[in-house]
C-alpha atoms as a PDB file:
ATOM      1  CA  VAL A   1     -46.641  24.064  31.082  1.00  0.00           C
ATOM      2  CA  VAL A   2     -46.970  23.068  34.748  1.00  0.00           C
ATOM      3  CA  GLN A   3     -45.937  26.417  36.292  1.00  0.00           C
ATOM      4  CA  SER A   4     -47.862  28.662  33.936  1.00  0.00           C
ATOM      5  CA  GLY A   5     -49.536  31.321  36.127  1.00  0.00           C
ATOM      6  CA  HIS A   6     -48.896  29.349  39.385  1.00  0.00           C
ATOM      7  CA  GLY A   7     -46.541  31.578  41.250  1.00  0.00           C
ATOM      8  CA  VAL A   8     -43.166  30.623  42.753  1.00  0.00           C
ATOM      9  CA  ALA A   9     -41.153  27.730  41.292  1.00  0.00           C
ATOM     10  CA  MET A  10     -38.785  25.558  43.499  1.00  0.00           C
ATOM     11  CA  ILE A  11     -36.133  23.053  42.681  1.00  0.00           C
ATOM     12  CA  GLY A  12     -34.839  20.146  44.787  1.00  0.00           C
ATOM     13  CA  LEU A  13     -32.033  17.873  43.897  1.00  0.00           C
ATOM     14  CA  GLY A  14     -31.030  14.530  45.347  1.00  0.00           C
ATOM     15  CA  SER A  15     -28.840  11.465  44.596  1.00  0.00           C
ATOM     16  CA  ALA A  16     -28.174   8.154  46.142  1.00  0.00           C
ATOM     17  CA  SER A  17     -26.703   4.779  45.409  1.00  0.00           C
ATOM     18  CA  GLY A  18     -27.353   1.192  46.735  1.00  0.00           C
ATOM     19  CA  ALA A  19     -30.354  -0.218  48.379  1.00  0.00           C
ATOM     20  CA  GLY A  20     -33.209   2.248  49.092  1.00  0.00           C
ATOM     21  CA  ARG A  21     -31.700   4.745  46.592  1.00  0.00           C
ATOM     22  CA  ALA A  22     -35.019   5.900  45.384  1.00  0.00           C
ATOM     23  CA  GLU A  23     -36.282   6.806  48.759  1.00  0.00           C
ATOM     24  CA  ALA A  24     -32.922   8.344  49.853  1.00  0.00           C
ATOM     25  CA  ALA A  25     -32.642  10.502  46.729  1.00  0.00           C
ATOM     26  CA  THR A  26     -36.120  11.624  46.956  1.00  0.00           C
ATOM     27  CA  GLN A  27     -35.845  12.575  50.665  1.00  0.00           C
ATOM     28  CA  GLU A  28     -32.647  14.518  49.794  1.00  0.00           C
ATOM     29  CA  ALA A  29     -34.429  16.338  47.051  1.00  0.00           C
ATOM     30  CA  LEU A  30     -37.321  17.203  49.365  1.00  0.00           C
ATOM     31  CA  HIS A  31     -35.004  18.559  51.961  1.00  0.00           C
ATOM     32  CA  SER A  32     -32.546  20.193  49.530  1.00  0.00           C
ATOM     33  CA  PRO A  33     -31.182  23.663  50.684  1.00  0.00           C
ATOM     34  CA  LEU A  34     -32.513  24.826  47.281  1.00  0.00           C
ATOM     35  CA  LEU A  35     -35.999  24.301  48.664  1.00  0.00           C
ATOM     36  CA  ASP A  36     -36.403  26.940  51.342  1.00  0.00           C
ATOM     37  CA  LEU A  37     -40.213  26.801  51.170  1.00  0.00           C
ATOM     38  CA  ASP A  38     -42.819  24.270  52.316  1.00  0.00           C
ATOM     39  CA  VAL A  39     -43.880  22.025  49.393  1.00  0.00           C
ATOM     40  CA  SER A  40     -47.205  20.927  51.038  1.00  0.00           C
ATOM     41  CA  ASP A  41     -49.068  23.681  49.123  1.00  0.00           C
ATOM     42  CA  ALA A  42     -47.402  23.081  45.701  1.00  0.00           C
ATOM     43  CA  ARG A  43     -49.920  22.819  42.914  1.00  0.00           C
ATOM     44  CA  GLY A  44     -47.604  21.095  40.547  1.00  0.00           C
ATOM     45  CA  ALA A  45     -44.441  19.103  40.306  1.00  0.00           C
ATOM     46  CA  LEU A  46     -42.143  18.249  37.384  1.00  0.00           C
ATOM     47  CA  ILE A  47     -40.125  15.221  38.381  1.00  0.00           C
ATOM     48  CA  ASN A  48     -37.130  13.847  36.411  1.00  0.00           C
ATOM     49  CA  VAL A  49     -35.579  10.592  37.636  1.00  0.00           C
ATOM     50  CA  VAL A  50     -32.273   9.524  36.061  1.00  0.00           C
ATOM     51  CA  GLY A  51     -30.378   6.342  36.888  1.00  0.00           C
ATOM     52  CA  GLY A  52     -27.810   3.937  35.521  1.00  0.00           C
ATOM     53  CA  PRO A  53     -28.751   0.903  33.440  1.00  0.00           C
ATOM     54  CA  ASP A  54     -30.214  -0.823  36.326  1.00  0.00           C
ATOM     55  CA  LEU A  55     -32.830   1.867  36.945  1.00  0.00           C
ATOM     56  CA  THR A  56     -36.314   0.350  37.244  1.00  0.00           C
ATOM     57  CA  LEU A  57     -39.715   1.756  36.432  1.00  0.00           C
ATOM     58  CA  GLY A  58     -40.775   0.891  40.126  1.00  0.00           C
ATOM     59  CA  GLU A  59     -38.020   3.037  41.366  1.00  0.00           C
ATOM     60  CA  ALA A  60     -38.995   5.997  39.372  1.00  0.00           C
ATOM     61  CA  GLU A  61     -42.569   5.481  40.311  1.00  0.00           C
ATOM     62  CA  ARG A  62     -41.578   5.361  44.017  1.00  0.00           C
ATOM     63  CA  CYS A  63     -39.872   8.737  43.644  1.00  0.00           C
ATOM     64  CA  ALA A  64     -42.997  10.241  42.025  1.00  0.00           C
ATOM     65  CA  GLU A  65     -45.221   8.723  44.686  1.00  0.00           C
ATOM     66  CA  MET A  66     -43.177  10.085  47.617  1.00  0.00           C
ATOM     67  CA  ILE A  67     -43.247  13.521  46.047  1.00  0.00           C
ATOM     68  CA  GLN A  68     -47.101  13.280  45.404  1.00  0.00           C
ATOM     69  CA  GLN A  69     -47.591  12.465  49.138  1.00  0.00           C
ATOM     70  CA  GLN A  70     -45.851  15.801  50.130  1.00  0.00           C
ATOM     71  CA  VAL A  71     -47.645  18.254  47.780  1.00  0.00           C
ATOM     72  CA  ALA A  72     -51.186  19.400  47.563  1.00  0.00           C
ATOM     73  CA  PRO A  73     -53.658  16.549  46.884  1.00  0.00           C
ATOM     74  CA  THR A  74     -54.842  18.296  43.759  1.00  0.00           C
ATOM     75  CA  ALA A  75     -51.254  19.052  42.526  1.00  0.00           C
ATOM     76  CA  ARG A  76     -50.531  18.282  38.802  1.00  0.00           C
ATOM     77  CA  ILE A  77     -47.666  15.806  38.699  1.00  0.00           C
ATOM     78  CA  ILE A  78     -45.655  15.168  35.612  1.00  0.00           C
ATOM     79  CA  TRP A  79     -42.818  12.731  35.813  1.00  0.00           C
ATOM     80  CA  GLY A  80     -40.342  10.909  33.585  1.00  0.00           C
ATOM     81  CA  ALA A  81     -37.342   8.721  33.810  1.00  0.00           C
ATOM     82  CA  ALA A  82     -34.176   8.331  31.761  1.00  0.00           C
ATOM     83  CA  VAL A  83     -31.117   6.047  31.771  1.00  0.00           C
ATOM     84  CA  ASP A  84     -27.638   7.575  31.799  1.00  0.00           C
ATOM     85  CA  GLU A  85     -25.079   4.700  31.566  1.00  0.00           C
ATOM     86  CA  SER A  86     -22.362   6.854  33.112  1.00  0.00           C
ATOM     87  CA  LEU A  87     -24.333   7.024  36.493  1.00  0.00           C
ATOM     88  CA  GLY A  88     -23.583   3.438  37.397  1.00  0.00           C
ATOM     89  CA  ASP A  89     -25.539   2.626  40.608  1.00  0.00           C
ATOM     90  CA  GLU A  90     -26.464   6.203  41.198  1.00  0.00           C
ATOM     91  CA  LEU A  91     -29.929   7.531  41.064  1.00  0.00           C
ATOM     92  CA  ARG A  92     -30.713  11.251  40.710  1.00  0.00           C
END
């Protein structure tokens, strides 16, 4: 488990559609009102990227890369991606 014995857990949610949706959704998640703490010291991140049928692996990787750049350099990152046909052009 990523959080086992590591202190406070935080959650950030973001969604976007259209060009640049991976970057926009990730920025929204990183600046979510649910994240009232600085993530730069985070020692782990669990990332779930969900998009419609046009979701690409590159978009999911971009989300993970952007978050990795914001957390501690030694943070353990676990990420995954899933397709939800009902989302259409939306990425979450």
